[in-house]
Amino acid sequence: MPVPTVHLLITLRGPVWRVRILSGGTIRWKCYRAEDYPTPEAVARRCAAGLVTIKPENKPHEGEEGHLRGDIRPVHDSPLRVRWEC
């Protein structure tokens, strides 16, 4: 199965980065303040981080202490390849 591609189009509009996320034929839009993310690379990293999820393998039982254990994997359970342009 081929690795899915996520395409990011990053544009700076005044003090805000606008990001078009194209994944699997679906377009989503995100905005990030340039003050918080000064470079397009930082915006791309932030978007890629938002495309992964924690899938709990061993949920702690009620009353047990400890952190949620799980693997961080892409939402679609395969490696994530991100292409971005400004």
N, C-alpha and C. Protein backbone atom coordinates (compact mmCIF):
# COMPACT_ATOMS: atom_id res chain seq x y z
N MET A 1 0.84 -1.18 0.00
CA MET A 1 0.00 0.00 0.00
C MET A 1 0.89 1.24 0.00
N PRO A 2 0.67 2.18 -0.90
CA PRO A 2 1.52 3.38 -0.96
C PRO A 2 1.32 4.27 0.26
N VAL A 3 2.36 5.02 0.56
CA VAL A 3 2.31 5.95 1.69
C VAL A 3 1.45 7.15 1.31
N PRO A 4 0.42 7.47 2.12
CA PRO A 4 -0.41 8.64 1.80
C PRO A 4 0.40 9.93 1.89
N THR A 5 0.10 10.86 1.03
CA THR A 5 0.77 12.15 1.03
C THR A 5 -0.17 13.21 1.57
N VAL A 6 0.38 14.08 2.40
CA VAL A 6 -0.36 15.24 2.89
C VAL A 6 0.32 16.46 2.30
N HIS A 7 -0.42 17.29 1.59
CA HIS A 7 0.14 18.47 0.96
C HIS A 7 -0.28 19.70 1.75
N LEU A 8 0.69 20.51 2.15
CA LEU A 8 0.43 21.75 2.88
C LEU A 8 0.77 22.93 1.98
N LEU A 9 -0.14 23.87 1.84
CA LEU A 9 0.13 25.13 1.16
C LEU A 9 0.13 26.20 2.24
N ILE A 10 1.29 26.78 2.51
CA ILE A 10 1.47 27.73 3.62
C ILE A 10 1.66 29.13 3.05
N THR A 11 0.81 30.06 3.46
CA THR A 11 0.93 31.45 3.01
C THR A 11 0.86 32.37 4.22
N LEU A 12 1.65 33.43 4.17
CA LEU A 12 1.65 34.42 5.25
C LEU A 12 0.76 35.58 4.83
N ARG A 13 -0.28 35.83 5.59
CA ARG A 13 -1.21 36.94 5.35
C ARG A 13 -1.17 37.84 6.57
N GLY A 14 -0.41 38.92 6.46
CA GLY A 14 -0.26 39.81 7.62
C GLY A 14 0.41 39.06 8.77
N PRO A 15 -0.21 39.07 9.96
CA PRO A 15 0.41 38.40 11.11
C PRO A 15 -0.01 36.93 11.26
N VAL A 16 -0.63 36.34 10.22
CA VAL A 16 -1.19 34.99 10.35
C VAL A 16 -0.73 34.10 9.20
N TRP A 17 -0.29 32.89 9.54
CA TRP A 17 -0.01 31.87 8.55
C TRP A 17 -1.32 31.17 8.22
N ARG A 18 -1.69 31.09 6.95
CA ARG A 18 -2.86 30.32 6.52
C ARG A 18 -2.34 29.05 5.88
N VAL A 19 -2.91 27.93 6.28
CA VAL A 19 -2.44 26.63 5.81
C VAL A 19 -3.61 25.86 5.20
N ARG A 20 -3.43 25.44 3.94
CA ARG A 20 -4.38 24.54 3.32
C ARG A 20 -3.80 23.14 3.43
N ILE A 21 -4.55 22.24 4.05
CA ILE A 21 -4.11 20.86 4.24
C ILE A 21 -4.93 19.99 3.29
N LEU A 22 -4.25 19.36 2.34
CA LEU A 22 -4.91 18.48 1.37
C LEU A 22 -4.48 17.06 1.68
N SER A 23 -5.44 16.24 2.08
CA SER A 23 -5.14 14.86 2.46
C SER A 23 -6.30 13.97 2.03
N GLY A 24 -6.01 13.01 1.20
CA GLY A 24 -7.04 12.07 0.78
C GLY A 24 -8.22 12.71 0.07
N GLY A 25 -7.96 13.79 -0.67
CA GLY A 25 -9.02 14.46 -1.40
C GLY A 25 -9.84 15.42 -0.55
N THR A 26 -9.50 15.57 0.72
CA THR A 26 -10.21 16.48 1.62
C THR A 26 -9.35 17.70 1.89
N ILE A 27 -9.94 18.89 1.83
CA ILE A 27 -9.22 20.13 2.11
C ILE A 27 -9.66 20.64 3.47
N ARG A 28 -8.67 20.93 4.31
CA ARG A 28 -8.92 21.57 5.61
C ARG A 28 -8.08 22.83 5.69
N TRP A 29 -8.55 23.80 6.43
CA TRP A 29 -7.83 25.06 6.60
C TRP A 29 -7.48 25.24 8.07
N LYS A 30 -6.27 25.73 8.31
CA LYS A 30 -5.81 26.07 9.66
C LYS A 30 -5.14 27.44 9.60
N CYS A 31 -5.16 28.14 10.71
CA CYS A 31 -4.47 29.43 10.83
C CYS A 31 -3.61 29.41 12.09
N TYR A 32 -2.40 29.95 11.97
CA TYR A 32 -1.48 30.03 13.10
C TYR A 32 -0.88 31.42 13.14
N ARG A 33 -0.71 31.96 14.33
CA ARG A 33 -0.12 33.29 14.47
C ARG A 33 1.37 33.22 14.16
N ALA A 34 1.83 34.17 13.35
CA ALA A 34 3.24 34.23 12.98
C ALA A 34 4.12 34.51 14.19
N GLU A 35 3.56 35.16 15.19
CA GLU A 35 4.29 35.42 16.43
C GLU A 35 4.64 34.11 17.14
N ASP A 36 3.73 33.13 17.10
CA ASP A 36 3.96 31.83 17.74
C ASP A 36 4.79 30.89 16.88
N TYR A 37 4.65 30.99 15.56
CA TYR A 37 5.35 30.13 14.61
C TYR A 37 6.02 31.03 13.58
N PRO A 38 7.27 31.46 13.83
CA PRO A 38 7.91 32.48 13.00
C PRO A 38 8.33 32.03 11.59
N THR A 39 8.50 30.72 11.37
CA THR A 39 8.98 30.25 10.06
C THR A 39 7.98 29.26 9.46
N PRO A 40 8.01 29.11 8.13
CA PRO A 40 7.13 28.11 7.52
C PRO A 40 7.46 26.68 7.98
N GLU A 41 8.74 26.43 8.29
CA GLU A 41 9.13 25.11 8.79
C GLU A 41 8.44 24.82 10.12
N ALA A 42 8.35 25.82 11.00
CA ALA A 42 7.68 25.65 12.29
C ALA A 42 6.20 25.36 12.09
N VAL A 43 5.59 26.03 11.12
CA VAL A 43 4.17 25.80 10.82
C VAL A 43 3.98 24.39 10.27
N ALA A 44 4.86 23.95 9.38
CA ALA A 44 4.76 22.60 8.82
C ALA A 44 4.91 21.55 9.91
N ARG A 45 5.86 21.76 10.84
CA ARG A 45 6.02 20.82 11.96
C ARG A 45 4.77 20.78 12.83
N ARG A 46 4.17 21.96 13.09
CA ARG A 46 2.96 22.02 13.91
C ARG A 46 1.81 21.29 13.22
N CYS A 47 1.67 21.47 11.93
CA CYS A 47 0.60 20.78 11.19
C CYS A 47 0.82 19.27 11.20
N ALA A 48 2.06 18.83 10.99
CA ALA A 48 2.36 17.40 11.00
C ALA A 48 2.07 16.81 12.37
N ALA A 49 2.38 17.55 13.44
CA ALA A 49 2.09 17.06 14.79
C ALA A 49 0.59 16.92 14.99
N GLY A 50 -0.19 17.80 14.38
CA GLY A 50 -1.63 17.72 14.51
C GLY A 50 -2.26 16.59 13.71
N LEU A 51 -1.50 15.99 12.81
CA LEU A 51 -2.02 14.90 11.98
C LEU A 51 -1.77 13.53 12.59
N VAL A 52 -1.09 13.48 13.73
CA VAL A 52 -0.87 12.20 14.41
C VAL A 52 -1.77 12.14 15.63
N THR A 53 -1.99 10.95 16.10
CA THR A 53 -2.84 10.75 17.26
C THR A 53 -2.21 9.69 18.16
N ILE A 54 -2.61 9.66 19.41
CA ILE A 54 -2.16 8.62 20.33
C ILE A 54 -3.21 7.52 20.30
N LYS A 55 -2.77 6.32 19.98
CA LYS A 55 -3.68 5.18 19.97
C LYS A 55 -3.36 4.34 21.20
N PRO A 56 -4.22 4.39 22.20
CA PRO A 56 -3.92 3.68 23.45
C PRO A 56 -3.91 2.16 23.24
N GLU A 57 -2.84 1.54 23.65
CA GLU A 57 -2.72 0.09 23.59
C GLU A 57 -3.09 -0.51 24.94
N ASN A 58 -2.57 0.09 26.01
CA ASN A 58 -2.82 -0.40 27.36
C ASN A 58 -3.38 0.73 28.20
N LYS A 59 -4.68 0.86 28.20
CA LYS A 59 -5.31 1.90 29.01
C LYS A 59 -5.20 1.51 30.48
N PRO A 60 -4.84 2.43 31.37
CA PRO A 60 -4.83 2.08 32.79
C PRO A 60 -6.26 1.82 33.26
N HIS A 61 -6.38 0.84 34.14
CA HIS A 61 -7.69 0.53 34.70
C HIS A 61 -8.07 1.58 35.73
N GLU A 62 -9.34 1.62 36.07
CA GLU A 62 -9.81 2.60 37.05
C GLU A 62 -9.05 2.42 38.35
N GLY A 63 -8.58 3.51 38.91
CA GLY A 63 -7.87 3.47 40.18
C GLY A 63 -6.38 3.25 40.04
N GLU A 64 -5.91 2.88 38.87
CA GLU A 64 -4.47 2.69 38.67
C GLU A 64 -3.81 4.02 38.38
N GLU A 65 -2.61 4.17 38.90
CA GLU A 65 -1.84 5.38 38.62
C GLU A 65 -0.98 5.12 37.39
N GLY A 66 -0.58 6.18 36.78
CA GLY A 66 0.32 6.04 35.63
C GLY A 66 -0.21 6.78 34.43
N HIS A 67 0.63 6.85 33.44
CA HIS A 67 0.29 7.58 32.22
C HIS A 67 -0.38 6.65 31.22
N LEU A 68 -1.09 7.25 30.31
CA LEU A 68 -1.68 6.49 29.21
C LEU A 68 -0.53 6.00 28.34
N ARG A 69 -0.52 4.70 28.11
CA ARG A 69 0.54 4.13 27.28
C ARG A 69 -0.01 3.89 25.89
N GLY A 70 0.75 4.24 24.91
CA GLY A 70 0.29 4.03 23.54
C GLY A 70 1.35 4.46 22.56
N ASP A 71 1.13 4.15 21.33
CA ASP A 71 2.05 4.55 20.28
C ASP A 71 1.52 5.80 19.62
N ILE A 72 2.42 6.68 19.25
CA ILE A 72 2.01 7.83 18.45
C ILE A 72 2.14 7.40 17.00
N ARG A 73 1.01 7.37 16.34
CA ARG A 73 0.99 6.94 14.94
C ARG A 73 0.17 7.92 14.12
N PRO A 74 0.42 7.97 12.84
CA PRO A 74 -0.46 8.78 12.01
C PRO A 74 -1.89 8.27 12.10
N VAL A 75 -2.82 9.16 11.88
CA VAL A 75 -4.23 8.84 11.99
C VAL A 75 -4.60 7.67 11.08
N HIS A 76 -3.95 7.55 9.93
CA HIS A 76 -4.30 6.52 8.97
C HIS A 76 -3.46 5.26 9.13
N ASP A 77 -2.77 5.10 10.28
CA ASP A 77 -1.99 3.90 10.62
C ASP A 77 -0.89 3.55 9.63
N SER A 78 -0.32 4.51 8.96
CA SER A 78 0.81 4.27 8.08
C SER A 78 1.75 5.46 8.19
N PRO A 79 2.97 5.34 7.70
CA PRO A 79 3.92 6.46 7.81
C PRO A 79 3.36 7.73 7.18
N LEU A 80 3.74 8.84 7.73
CA LEU A 80 3.25 10.13 7.27
C LEU A 80 4.31 10.81 6.42
N ARG A 81 3.94 11.24 5.23
CA ARG A 81 4.84 11.98 4.36
C ARG A 81 4.18 13.33 4.09
N VAL A 82 4.86 14.40 4.45
CA VAL A 82 4.30 15.74 4.31
C VAL A 82 5.11 16.52 3.28
N ARG A 83 4.43 17.13 2.33
CA ARG A 83 5.07 18.00 1.34
C ARG A 83 4.48 19.38 1.55
N TRP A 84 5.33 20.39 1.65
CA TRP A 84 4.80 21.75 1.85
C TRP A 84 5.50 22.72 0.94
N GLU A 85 4.80 23.81 0.64
CA GLU A 85 5.37 24.88 -0.19
C GLU A 85 4.85 26.21 0.31
N CYS A 86 5.62 27.25 0.05
CA CYS A 86 5.24 28.62 0.45
C CYS A 86 5.04 29.46 -0.79
